[in-house]
Amino acid sequence: MGRTVFVREDDHCFVEVPDSTEVVDCPAEANDSAYDNCDAQIVLDGSGDKCFCVSGRGNPRPMPRPVPCPASAKK
């Protein structure tokens, strides 16, 4: 079963499992320098031309901000 792999601020990767997280090997794509500009989730816009860093932290949550797109988004 495929799971979303998240990259922590300390460059370690994890997946969500029931009631916790599990550290996993980071996929090669996670080494893309685009992820150095966002410590949350990078989202590609509908046209596929722009990427945004979307953070779930803070109250209120910060607005998405433009970031470079990872190379894998340009496929």
C-alpha atoms as a PDB file:
ATOM      1  CA  MET A   1       0.000   0.000   0.000  1.00  0.00           C
ATOM      2  CA  GLY A   2       1.401   3.421  -0.953  1.00  0.00           C
ATOM      3  CA  ARG A   3       1.842   5.953   1.815  1.00  0.00           C
ATOM      4  CA  THR A   4       2.775   9.626   1.770  1.00  0.00           C
ATOM      5  CA  VAL A   5       6.361  10.166   2.909  1.00  0.00           C
ATOM      6  CA  PHE A   6       6.951  13.370   4.867  1.00  0.00           C
ATOM      7  CA  VAL A   7      10.339  15.056   5.384  1.00  0.00           C
ATOM      8  CA  ARG A   8      10.959  16.524   8.831  1.00  0.00           C
ATOM      9  CA  GLU A   9      12.905  19.745   9.394  1.00  0.00           C
ATOM     10  CA  ASP A  10      15.913  17.609  10.405  1.00  0.00           C
ATOM     11  CA  ASP A  11      15.872  15.932   6.944  1.00  0.00           C
ATOM     12  CA  HIS A  12      14.613  12.587   8.281  1.00  0.00           C
ATOM     13  CA  CYS A  13      11.569  11.051   6.587  1.00  0.00           C
ATOM     14  CA  PHE A  14       8.514   9.467   8.153  1.00  0.00           C
ATOM     15  CA  VAL A  15       5.107   8.037   7.339  1.00  0.00           C
ATOM     16  CA  GLU A  16       1.958   8.287   9.396  1.00  0.00           C
ATOM     17  CA  VAL A  17       0.750   5.091  11.043  1.00  0.00           C
ATOM     18  CA  PRO A  18      -2.214   4.702  13.402  1.00  0.00           C
ATOM     19  CA  ASP A  19      -1.616   6.876  16.490  1.00  0.00           C
ATOM     20  CA  SER A  20       2.021   7.751  15.639  1.00  0.00           C
ATOM     21  CA  THR A  21       4.678   8.057  12.945  1.00  0.00           C
ATOM     22  CA  GLU A  22       7.346   5.679  11.647  1.00  0.00           C
ATOM     23  CA  VAL A  23      10.784   6.797  10.430  1.00  0.00           C
ATOM     24  CA  VAL A  24      11.568   5.512   6.905  1.00  0.00           C
ATOM     25  CA  ASP A  25      14.332   5.940   4.327  1.00  0.00           C
ATOM     26  CA  CYS A  26      13.855   9.127   2.340  1.00  0.00           C
ATOM     27  CA  PRO A  27      13.122   8.659  -1.362  1.00  0.00           C
ATOM     28  CA  ALA A  28      15.668  10.138  -3.777  1.00  0.00           C
ATOM     29  CA  GLU A  29      13.181  12.874  -4.728  1.00  0.00           C
ATOM     30  CA  ALA A  30      13.355  14.229  -1.161  1.00  0.00           C
ATOM     31  CA  ASN A  31      16.948  15.326  -1.803  1.00  0.00           C
ATOM     32  CA  ASP A  32      15.700  17.965  -4.266  1.00  0.00           C
ATOM     33  CA  SER A  33      16.811  21.426  -3.095  1.00  0.00           C
ATOM     34  CA  ALA A  34      13.215  22.677  -3.484  1.00  0.00           C
ATOM     35  CA  TYR A  35      12.421  20.995  -0.165  1.00  0.00           C
ATOM     36  CA  ASP A  36      15.024  23.167   1.562  1.00  0.00           C
ATOM     37  CA  ASN A  37      12.647  26.111   1.019  1.00  0.00           C
ATOM     38  CA  CYS A  38       9.639  24.513   2.695  1.00  0.00           C
ATOM     39  CA  ASP A  39       9.407  22.595   5.968  1.00  0.00           C
ATOM     40  CA  ALA A  40       5.792  21.618   5.348  1.00  0.00           C
ATOM     41  CA  GLN A  41       4.004  20.493   2.173  1.00  0.00           C
ATOM     42  CA  ILE A  42       4.779  21.664  -1.372  1.00  0.00           C
ATOM     43  CA  VAL A  43       1.641  21.939  -3.490  1.00  0.00           C
ATOM     44  CA  LEU A  44       1.591  22.358  -7.277  1.00  0.00           C
ATOM     45  CA  ASP A  45      -1.010  24.787  -8.626  1.00  0.00           C
ATOM     46  CA  GLY A  46      -3.665  23.652 -11.093  1.00  0.00           C
ATOM     47  CA  SER A  47      -1.763  24.855 -14.167  1.00  0.00           C
ATOM     48  CA  GLY A  48       1.370  22.998 -13.083  1.00  0.00           C
ATOM     49  CA  ASP A  49       3.557  26.088 -13.389  1.00  0.00           C
ATOM     50  CA  LYS A  50       3.887  27.256  -9.772  1.00  0.00           C
ATOM     51  CA  CYS A  51       4.456  25.632  -6.392  1.00  0.00           C
ATOM     52  CA  PHE A  52       3.498  26.790  -2.922  1.00  0.00           C
ATOM     53  CA  CYS A  53       4.573  25.864   0.593  1.00  0.00           C
ATOM     54  CA  VAL A  54       1.495  25.046   2.667  1.00  0.00           C
ATOM     55  CA  SER A  55       1.969  24.836   6.423  1.00  0.00           C
ATOM     56  CA  GLY A  56      -0.536  23.476   8.906  1.00  0.00           C
ATOM     57  CA  ARG A  57       1.219  25.149  11.820  1.00  0.00           C
ATOM     58  CA  GLY A  58       0.125  28.299  13.562  1.00  0.00           C
ATOM     59  CA  ASN A  59      -3.110  29.923  14.550  1.00  0.00           C
ATOM     60  CA  PRO A  60      -4.122  31.384  12.252  1.00  0.00           C
ATOM     61  CA  ARG A  61      -2.419  29.182   9.665  1.00  0.00           C
ATOM     62  CA  PRO A  62      -0.021  31.133   7.442  1.00  0.00           C
ATOM     63  CA  MET A  63      -1.004  31.748   3.846  1.00  0.00           C
ATOM     64  CA  PRO A  64       0.674  29.485   1.245  1.00  0.00           C
ATOM     65  CA  ARG A  65       3.853  31.079  -0.083  1.00  0.00           C
ATOM     66  CA  PRO A  66       5.531  30.640  -3.474  1.00  0.00           C
ATOM     67  CA  VAL A  67       8.555  28.295  -3.535  1.00  0.00           C
ATOM     68  CA  PRO A  68      10.627  26.684  -6.306  1.00  0.00           C
ATOM     69  CA  CYS A  69       9.029  23.524  -7.705  1.00  0.00           C
ATOM     70  CA  PRO A  70      10.815  20.203  -7.240  1.00  0.00           C
ATOM     71  CA  ALA A  71      12.173  18.624 -10.424  1.00  0.00           C
ATOM     72  CA  SER A  72       9.657  15.777 -10.116  1.00  0.00           C
ATOM     73  CA  ALA A  73       6.794  18.298 -10.535  1.00  0.00           C
ATOM     74  CA  LYS A  74       8.002  19.215 -14.014  1.00  0.00           C
ATOM     75  CA  LYS A  75       7.356  15.774 -15.502  1.00  0.00           C
END
